[in-house]
Amino acid sequence: MNLIQKPTLTGQRFKTRKRDEKERFDPTQFQESIVQGLNQTGTDLEAVAKFLDASGAKLDYRRYAETLFDILVAGGMLAPGGTLSDDMTRTEYCLFTAQEDLETMQAYAQLLLFLKGFTESERNKLAMLTGILLANGSISASILSSLFNENLVKEGVSAAFAVKLFKSWINEKDINSVAGSLRKVGMDNRLMELFPANKRSCEHFSKYFTDAGLKELSDFARNQQSIGARKELQKELQEQMSRGDPLKEVREEMKKANLSEQAMISIIWTSVMSSVEWNKKEELVTEQAIKHLKQYSPLLKAFTSQGLSELSLLLKIQEYCYDNIHFMKAFQKIVVLLYKADVLSEEAILKWYTEAHLAKGKSVFLEQMKKFVEWLKNAEEGKDGEITCTSWVLCVLRSCVQS
């Protein structure tokens, strides 16, 4: 009987389509890649951060998040029971081998905080825990600088993380505690950096965090931005005045910074008084101040078109004269100068005198202004309807003679 040979497949081997292939899960190879890179960087935190950031483009942090976490905390993958495998390369750059001090721990927290490998749920949990640790003072708010990583900001990770973090923090404490901690480490003016440059506006920040239930944080950031704009404008004005440069587009700067006239007159006053070195002798500083203020009275007049602005200026003058002891006796002469220059009105001065003055130096300044205020109330008007300066001088002379 002849056996018929069965046909066999020969020839070209069929290739598997790439889309049908599934990449093999290989945490061991992932560990070798990360550990080798870490050991080459040494112990410099900045170098380690750069290595991890660069490696994130090639290695799948999301898939190997648990492995990466083990490496950075314990030096390598943990076996069941929490032991480290001896047959694998380990790194000395890990939390368990680091120095036992707060600064080093904060550095590690900063590094671990922004591994893109974490899922959204994992990031949320980490954010909430970080908020609690910040609230009880276990870690410094300086850790938040990692939130400004360009890639994380661009992907929206930073802002989303911040929502959970600040909610947790404020829930444990309050916005005042948060504000104090942020100011302490210079983070109070950097919150806008949680968003890309094209979205870095007060309006976008306010809407984002208000919609997330954090209106307190929105209000704080808006206030900080306003303070920052005021300081910047004041510094610019002061430098221009010190150099004797002509002041241009001041009102445009006010609009750009979204400042009220009351806020602007305070800035101008501070800039004017900070742009000159004052004489240390009380008898000479008043004369110097009158000459200096006369030069800038047109600028002050331009920003006192409202009664509230005039009152704001009066309060700034009172505060300045009280805080600078050489100016204590100059208050009345400064006010009279600005009255004569149409910067301050009769109504504003009387309002200040009767009810709107500060407690600082109250008795001294009210006494200085007493005769002038009496004259304002009783003096006859001149032919053009304005109170004449001559009648004021005569009134003062008569008062001096009578006393």
Protein backbone atom coordinates (compact mmCIF):
# COMPACT_ATOMS: atom_id res chain seq x y z
CA MET A 1 0.00 0.00 0.00
CA ASN A 2 1.40 3.32 -1.02
CA LEU A 3 1.14 6.10 1.53
CA ILE A 4 0.18 9.43 0.10
CA GLN A 5 2.39 12.12 1.56
CA LYS A 6 0.45 14.99 3.11
CA PRO A 7 1.21 18.40 1.74
CA THR A 8 3.36 20.71 3.89
CA LEU A 9 3.55 24.50 4.03
CA THR A 10 6.78 25.85 2.69
CA GLY A 11 8.02 29.10 1.31
CA GLN A 12 7.70 32.65 2.60
CA ARG A 13 6.73 33.21 6.24
CA PHE A 14 3.75 35.48 6.84
CA LYS A 15 4.60 38.70 8.70
CA THR A 16 2.44 39.80 11.58
CA ARG A 17 0.93 43.19 11.06
CA LYS A 18 2.29 45.73 13.53
CA ARG A 19 -1.16 46.84 14.55
CA ASP A 20 -1.93 43.30 15.65
CA GLU A 21 1.15 43.14 17.87
CA LYS A 22 0.82 44.02 21.54
CA GLU A 23 3.88 45.40 23.23
CA ARG A 24 5.02 43.10 26.00
CA PHE A 25 4.78 44.45 29.55
CA ASP A 26 8.36 44.39 30.78
CA PRO A 27 8.89 46.28 34.06
CA THR A 28 12.33 44.66 34.44
CA GLN A 29 13.63 46.28 31.25
CA PHE A 30 11.99 49.56 32.28
CA GLN A 31 13.79 49.44 35.63
CA GLU A 32 17.15 48.77 33.96
CA SER A 33 16.69 51.81 31.69
CA ILE A 34 15.72 54.16 34.54
CA VAL A 35 18.27 52.89 37.04
CA GLN A 36 21.11 53.13 34.53
CA GLY A 37 20.18 56.73 33.75
CA LEU A 38 19.83 57.69 37.42
CA ASN A 39 23.19 56.18 38.35
CA GLN A 40 24.84 58.18 35.58
CA THR A 41 23.37 61.49 36.75
CA GLY A 42 24.82 61.22 40.24
CA THR A 43 23.02 62.87 43.14
CA ASP A 44 22.37 66.28 41.60
CA LEU A 45 18.62 66.90 41.87
CA GLU A 46 18.47 69.14 38.84
CA ALA A 47 20.30 66.59 36.68
CA VAL A 48 17.97 63.83 37.88
CA ALA A 49 14.92 65.93 37.10
CA LYS A 50 16.22 66.66 33.59
CA PHE A 51 16.92 62.97 32.97
CA LEU A 52 13.43 61.91 34.07
CA ASP A 53 11.84 64.66 32.01
CA ALA A 54 13.81 63.66 28.89
CA SER A 55 13.17 59.94 29.44
CA GLY A 56 9.44 60.55 29.66
CA ALA A 57 9.32 61.11 25.90
CA LYS A 58 10.72 57.60 25.26
CA LEU A 59 9.54 55.50 28.21
CA ASP A 60 5.91 54.89 29.07
CA TYR A 61 5.66 56.38 32.56
CA ARG A 62 1.92 55.84 32.69
CA ARG A 63 2.25 52.13 32.06
CA TYR A 64 5.12 51.67 34.49
CA ALA A 65 4.04 54.19 37.12
CA GLU A 66 4.22 51.69 39.98
CA THR A 67 7.70 50.56 38.95
CA LEU A 68 8.94 54.14 38.67
CA PHE A 69 7.51 54.95 42.07
CA ASP A 70 9.30 51.94 43.64
CA ILE A 71 12.60 52.98 42.04
CA LEU A 72 12.47 56.56 43.28
CA VAL A 73 11.32 55.62 46.77
CA ALA A 74 13.15 52.36 47.48
CA GLY A 75 15.83 52.18 44.79
CA GLY A 76 14.25 49.36 42.76
CA MET A 77 11.16 47.22 42.25
CA LEU A 78 9.70 45.84 45.44
CA ALA A 79 8.93 42.14 45.65
CA PRO A 80 5.94 40.80 47.63
CA GLY A 81 6.56 41.58 51.28
CA GLY A 82 8.35 44.81 50.48
CA THR A 83 11.84 43.42 49.86
CA LEU A 84 14.22 44.50 47.10
CA SER A 85 15.44 41.96 44.59
CA ASP A 86 19.19 41.35 44.89
CA ASP A 87 19.68 40.14 41.34
CA MET A 88 18.81 43.51 39.74
CA THR A 89 20.71 46.74 39.45
CA ARG A 90 19.61 49.29 42.02
CA THR A 91 20.05 53.03 42.28
CA GLU A 92 21.45 54.91 45.21
CA TYR A 93 19.33 57.86 44.18
CA CYS A 94 16.14 57.13 46.08
CA LEU A 95 14.18 58.35 49.05
CA PHE A 96 15.34 55.56 51.39
CA THR A 97 19.05 56.39 50.93
CA ALA A 98 18.64 60.20 51.08
CA GLN A 99 19.70 62.41 53.96
CA GLU A 100 17.21 62.60 56.78
CA ASP A 101 16.43 66.32 56.75
CA LEU A 102 13.42 68.44 55.78
CA GLU A 103 15.08 70.18 52.83
CA THR A 104 16.01 66.89 51.16
CA MET A 105 12.55 65.44 51.76
CA GLN A 106 10.99 68.50 50.16
CA ALA A 107 13.22 68.03 47.13
CA TYR A 108 12.07 64.43 46.76
CA ALA A 109 8.44 65.43 47.17
CA GLN A 110 8.93 68.03 44.48
CA LEU A 111 10.38 65.41 42.13
CA LEU A 112 7.73 62.80 42.83
CA LEU A 113 4.90 65.27 42.56
CA PHE A 114 4.90 65.54 38.80
CA LEU A 115 5.41 62.14 37.29
CA LYS A 116 3.14 62.03 34.27
CA GLY A 117 2.77 58.32 34.80
CA PHE A 118 0.13 58.77 37.47
CA THR A 119 -3.47 58.36 36.41
CA GLU A 120 -5.91 61.20 37.00
CA SER A 121 -7.26 59.47 40.09
CA GLU A 122 -3.74 58.93 41.46
CA ARG A 123 -2.84 62.58 40.84
CA ASN A 124 -6.02 63.71 42.58
CA LYS A 125 -5.19 61.63 45.65
CA LEU A 126 -1.63 62.94 45.68
CA ALA A 127 -2.87 66.52 45.31
CA MET A 128 -5.28 66.16 48.21
CA LEU A 129 -2.57 64.62 50.40
CA THR A 130 -0.14 67.41 49.45
CA GLY A 131 -2.77 70.01 50.42
CA ILE A 132 -3.16 68.40 53.85
CA LEU A 133 0.62 68.25 54.37
CA LEU A 134 0.92 71.92 53.39
CA ALA A 135 -1.88 72.86 55.78
CA ASN A 136 -0.25 71.23 58.78
CA GLY A 137 3.21 72.55 57.91
CA SER A 138 4.80 69.18 57.15
CA ILE A 139 6.15 70.49 53.83
CA SER A 140 6.96 73.97 52.53
CA ALA A 141 4.89 75.73 49.88
CA SER A 142 8.11 76.02 47.84
CA ILE A 143 7.24 72.53 46.57
CA LEU A 144 4.62 74.21 44.36
CA SER A 145 7.33 75.52 42.04
CA SER A 146 7.13 72.16 40.27
CA LEU A 147 3.62 73.05 39.15
CA PHE A 148 5.14 75.58 36.77
CA ASN A 149 6.84 72.89 34.66
CA GLU A 150 6.19 73.95 31.04
CA ASN A 151 4.97 70.55 29.81
CA LEU A 152 2.63 70.03 32.76
CA VAL A 153 1.23 73.54 32.37
CA LYS A 154 0.70 73.03 28.64
CA GLU A 155 -1.14 69.72 29.17
CA GLY A 156 -3.41 71.21 31.85
CA VAL A 157 -2.05 68.88 34.54
CA SER A 158 -0.82 71.73 36.74
CA ALA A 159 -4.11 73.61 36.93
CA ALA A 160 -6.14 70.44 37.57
CA PHE A 161 -3.69 69.33 40.26
CA ALA A 162 -3.84 72.80 41.85
CA VAL A 163 -7.64 72.64 42.14
CA LYS A 164 -7.56 69.48 44.26
CA LEU A 165 -4.55 70.69 46.24
CA PHE A 166 -5.97 74.11 47.16
CA LYS A 167 -9.40 72.70 47.97
CA SER A 168 -7.78 70.29 50.41
CA TRP A 169 -5.52 73.00 51.84
CA ILE A 170 -8.28 75.56 52.33
CA ASN A 171 -10.56 72.92 53.82
CA GLU A 172 -7.90 72.17 56.47
CA LYS A 173 -7.07 75.84 57.12
CA ASP A 174 -8.41 78.93 55.31
CA ILE A 175 -7.44 81.28 52.47
CA ASN A 176 -5.52 83.58 54.83
CA SER A 177 -3.30 80.69 55.93
CA VAL A 178 -2.75 79.71 52.29
CA ALA A 179 -1.93 83.32 51.35
CA GLY A 180 0.58 83.62 54.19
CA SER A 181 2.37 80.42 53.20
CA LEU A 182 2.52 81.45 49.54
CA ARG A 183 3.93 84.89 50.42
CA LYS A 184 6.55 83.34 52.65
CA VAL A 185 8.12 81.49 49.71
CA GLY A 186 7.41 84.12 47.03
CA MET A 187 4.68 82.11 45.31
CA ASP A 188 1.85 84.59 45.87
CA ASN A 189 2.44 86.36 42.54
CA ARG A 190 3.08 83.24 40.45
CA LEU A 191 -0.33 81.53 40.40
CA MET A 192 -1.09 82.80 36.87
CA GLU A 193 1.79 80.59 35.68
CA LEU A 194 -0.43 77.55 36.21
CA PHE A 195 -1.78 78.34 32.74
CA PRO A 196 -0.08 78.66 29.33
CA ALA A 197 0.99 82.18 28.30
CA ASN A 198 -2.01 82.65 25.99
CA LYS A 199 -4.41 81.95 28.88
CA ARG A 200 -2.48 83.76 31.58
CA SER A 201 -5.06 86.42 32.43
CA CYS A 202 -6.98 87.39 35.54
CA GLU A 203 -10.26 86.67 33.75
CA HIS A 204 -9.31 83.12 32.74
CA PHE A 205 -7.82 82.33 36.16
CA SER A 206 -10.89 83.69 37.92
CA LYS A 207 -13.35 81.72 35.80
CA TYR A 208 -11.37 78.47 36.01
CA PHE A 209 -11.04 78.43 39.80
CA THR A 210 -14.43 80.00 40.51
CA ASP A 211 -16.11 77.31 38.39
CA ALA A 212 -14.11 74.73 40.37
CA GLY A 213 -15.50 76.12 43.65
CA LEU A 214 -12.42 78.15 44.63
CA LYS A 215 -13.64 81.75 44.41
CA GLU A 216 -11.50 82.66 47.43
CA LEU A 217 -8.39 81.70 45.49
CA SER A 218 -9.62 83.64 42.44
CA ASP A 219 -10.12 86.78 44.54
CA PHE A 220 -6.71 86.37 46.15
CA ALA A 221 -4.95 86.02 42.78
CA ARG A 222 -6.79 89.05 41.36
CA ASN A 223 -5.76 91.13 44.35
CA GLN A 224 -2.15 89.96 44.06
CA GLN A 225 -2.02 90.85 40.39
CA SER A 226 -3.36 94.32 41.17
CA ILE A 227 -0.73 94.79 43.89
CA GLY A 228 1.97 93.64 41.49
CA ALA A 229 0.83 96.08 38.81
CA ARG A 230 0.82 98.93 41.34
CA LYS A 231 4.34 98.16 42.53
CA GLU A 232 5.64 97.96 38.98
CA LEU A 233 4.00 101.24 37.99
CA GLN A 234 5.21 102.97 41.15
CA LYS A 235 8.77 101.78 40.54
CA GLU A 236 8.65 103.03 36.94
CA LEU A 237 7.28 106.44 37.94
CA GLN A 238 9.80 106.83 40.73
CA GLU A 239 12.71 106.06 38.39
CA GLN A 240 11.44 108.57 35.83
CA MET A 241 11.10 111.27 38.49
CA SER A 242 14.53 110.55 39.93
CA ARG A 243 16.06 110.97 36.47
CA GLY A 244 13.99 114.08 35.78
CA ASP A 245 12.38 112.46 32.74
CA PRO A 246 9.11 113.91 31.41
CA LEU A 247 6.15 111.84 32.58
CA LYS A 248 4.14 110.52 29.66
CA GLU A 249 1.10 108.30 29.26
CA VAL A 250 0.50 108.01 33.00
CA ARG A 251 -3.25 107.78 32.51
CA GLU A 252 -2.79 105.11 29.85
CA GLU A 253 -0.72 103.11 32.33
CA MET A 254 -3.51 103.48 34.88
CA LYS A 255 -6.03 102.04 32.41
CA LYS A 256 -3.68 99.24 31.40
CA ALA A 257 -3.23 98.21 35.04
CA ASN A 258 -7.00 98.54 35.62
CA LEU A 259 -6.47 100.95 38.53
CA SER A 260 -8.94 103.43 39.97
CA GLU A 261 -8.09 107.13 40.28
CA GLN A 262 -7.90 106.68 44.05
CA ALA A 263 -5.32 103.91 43.71
CA MET A 264 -3.42 105.98 41.15
CA ILE A 265 -3.18 109.12 43.30
CA SER A 266 -1.69 107.02 46.11
CA ILE A 267 0.90 105.60 43.72
CA ILE A 268 1.79 109.05 42.40
CA TRP A 269 2.14 110.52 45.89
CA THR A 270 4.42 107.68 47.00
CA SER A 271 6.48 107.99 43.81
CA VAL A 272 6.84 111.75 44.19
CA MET A 273 7.94 111.52 47.81
CA SER A 274 10.34 108.63 47.13
CA SER A 275 12.09 110.24 44.18
CA VAL A 276 14.15 112.68 46.23
CA GLU A 277 16.55 112.47 49.17
CA TRP A 278 15.10 114.57 51.99
CA ASN A 279 17.01 116.87 54.26
CA LYS A 280 17.40 115.51 57.79
CA LYS A 281 16.76 118.90 59.39
CA GLU A 282 13.13 119.60 60.20
CA GLU A 283 13.39 123.33 59.55
CA LEU A 284 14.74 122.73 56.04
CA VAL A 285 12.72 119.72 54.94
CA THR A 286 9.43 121.66 54.84
CA GLU A 287 10.85 124.23 52.44
CA GLN A 288 12.31 121.43 50.32
CA ALA A 289 8.99 119.56 50.29
CA ILE A 290 6.99 122.64 49.23
CA LYS A 291 9.36 123.31 46.34
CA HIS A 292 9.31 119.67 45.26
CA LEU A 293 5.53 119.29 45.48
CA LYS A 294 4.91 122.52 43.62
CA GLN A 295 6.73 120.96 40.67
CA TYR A 296 4.44 117.92 40.66
CA SER A 297 1.16 119.62 41.61
CA PRO A 298 -0.11 119.53 37.97
CA LEU A 299 0.35 115.75 37.96
CA LEU A 300 -1.44 115.40 41.30
CA LYS A 301 -4.23 117.64 40.04
CA ALA A 302 -4.73 115.44 36.97
CA PHE A 303 -5.63 112.51 39.21
CA THR A 304 -7.85 114.24 41.77
CA SER A 305 -10.90 114.88 39.61
CA GLN A 306 -13.08 113.08 42.16
CA GLY A 307 -13.74 113.95 45.78
CA LEU A 308 -12.78 110.44 46.84
CA SER A 309 -9.41 110.85 45.12
CA GLU A 310 -8.78 114.10 46.99
CA LEU A 311 -9.62 112.40 50.27
CA SER A 312 -7.31 109.50 49.40
CA LEU A 313 -4.50 111.97 48.81
CA LEU A 314 -5.15 113.75 52.13
CA LEU A 315 -4.98 110.43 53.97
CA LYS A 316 -1.72 109.54 52.22
CA ILE A 317 -0.25 112.92 53.21
CA GLN A 318 -1.33 112.43 56.82
CA GLU A 319 0.13 108.93 56.93
CA TYR A 320 3.39 110.05 55.33
CA CYS A 321 3.88 112.99 57.70
CA TYR A 322 3.17 110.78 60.69
CA ASP A 323 5.53 107.99 59.58
CA ASN A 324 8.34 110.46 58.76
CA ILE A 325 8.95 112.45 61.91
CA HIS A 326 10.72 115.34 60.12
CA PHE A 327 7.45 116.05 58.28
CA MET A 328 5.22 116.29 61.37
CA LYS A 329 5.18 120.09 61.24
CA ALA A 330 4.95 120.24 57.45
CA PHE A 331 1.44 118.77 57.12
CA GLN A 332 -0.52 122.02 57.17
CA LYS A 333 1.80 123.78 54.72
CA ILE A 334 1.62 120.87 52.27
CA VAL A 335 -2.20 120.86 52.40
CA VAL A 336 -2.38 124.64 51.90
CA LEU A 337 0.00 124.40 48.94
CA LEU A 338 -2.13 121.76 47.26
CA TYR A 339 -5.28 123.76 48.03
CA LYS A 340 -3.82 126.82 46.33
CA ALA A 341 -2.77 124.64 43.36
CA ASP A 342 -6.38 123.37 42.99
CA VAL A 343 -5.33 119.83 43.82
CA LEU A 344 -7.42 119.75 47.01
CA SER A 345 -10.85 121.35 47.34
CA GLU A 346 -12.45 123.07 50.32
CA GLU A 347 -15.02 120.25 50.57
CA ALA A 348 -12.39 117.52 50.73
CA ILE A 349 -10.36 119.30 53.41
CA LEU A 350 -13.44 119.91 55.57
CA LYS A 351 -14.54 116.30 55.10
CA TRP A 352 -11.11 115.10 56.19
CA TYR A 353 -11.08 117.46 59.18
CA THR A 354 -14.53 116.62 60.53
CA GLU A 355 -14.78 112.87 60.03
CA ALA A 356 -12.45 111.20 57.55
CA HIS A 357 -9.00 111.65 59.13
CA LEU A 358 -6.83 108.79 60.34
CA ALA A 359 -5.99 108.12 63.96
CA LYS A 360 -2.27 108.55 63.19
CA GLY A 361 -1.15 111.92 64.59
CA LYS A 362 -4.78 113.01 64.78
CA SER A 363 -4.44 115.58 67.56
CA VAL A 364 -1.28 117.15 66.07
CA PHE A 365 -2.62 117.49 62.53
CA LEU A 366 -6.11 118.65 63.51
CA GLU A 367 -4.52 121.34 65.66
CA GLN A 368 -2.32 122.44 62.76
CA MET A 369 -5.34 122.69 60.46
CA LYS A 370 -7.71 124.35 62.94
CA LYS A 371 -7.23 127.99 61.87
CA PHE A 372 -7.17 127.18 58.19
CA VAL A 373 -10.41 125.18 58.51
CA GLU A 374 -12.04 128.06 60.41
CA TRP A 375 -11.00 130.38 57.60
CA LEU A 376 -12.44 128.00 54.99
CA LYS A 377 -15.77 128.03 56.80
CA ASN A 378 -15.95 131.80 57.33
CA ALA A 379 -13.89 133.56 54.66
CA GLU A 380 -15.61 135.74 52.08
CA GLU A 381 -15.41 134.79 48.45
CA GLY A 382 -13.38 136.86 46.01
CA LYS A 383 -14.79 138.54 42.94
CA ASP A 384 -14.32 135.48 40.77
CA GLY A 385 -16.12 133.28 43.26
CA GLU A 386 -12.95 131.69 44.66
CA ILE A 387 -11.57 132.17 48.16
CA THR A 388 -8.57 134.43 47.89
CA CYS A 389 -5.22 133.43 49.32
CA THR A 390 -4.76 136.99 50.59
CA SER A 391 -7.77 136.70 52.88
CA TRP A 392 -6.35 133.45 54.27
CA VAL A 393 -3.04 135.11 55.09
CA LEU A 394 -4.81 138.04 56.79
CA CYS A 395 -6.96 135.64 58.77
CA VAL A 396 -3.91 133.77 60.03
CA LEU A 397 -2.13 137.03 60.95
CA ARG A 398 -5.17 138.24 62.89
CA SER A 399 -5.37 134.91 64.72
CA CYS A 400 -1.67 135.14 65.62
CA VAL A 401 -2.10 138.70 66.95
CA GLN A 402 -5.17 137.75 68.99
CA SER A 403 -3.43 134.75 70.51
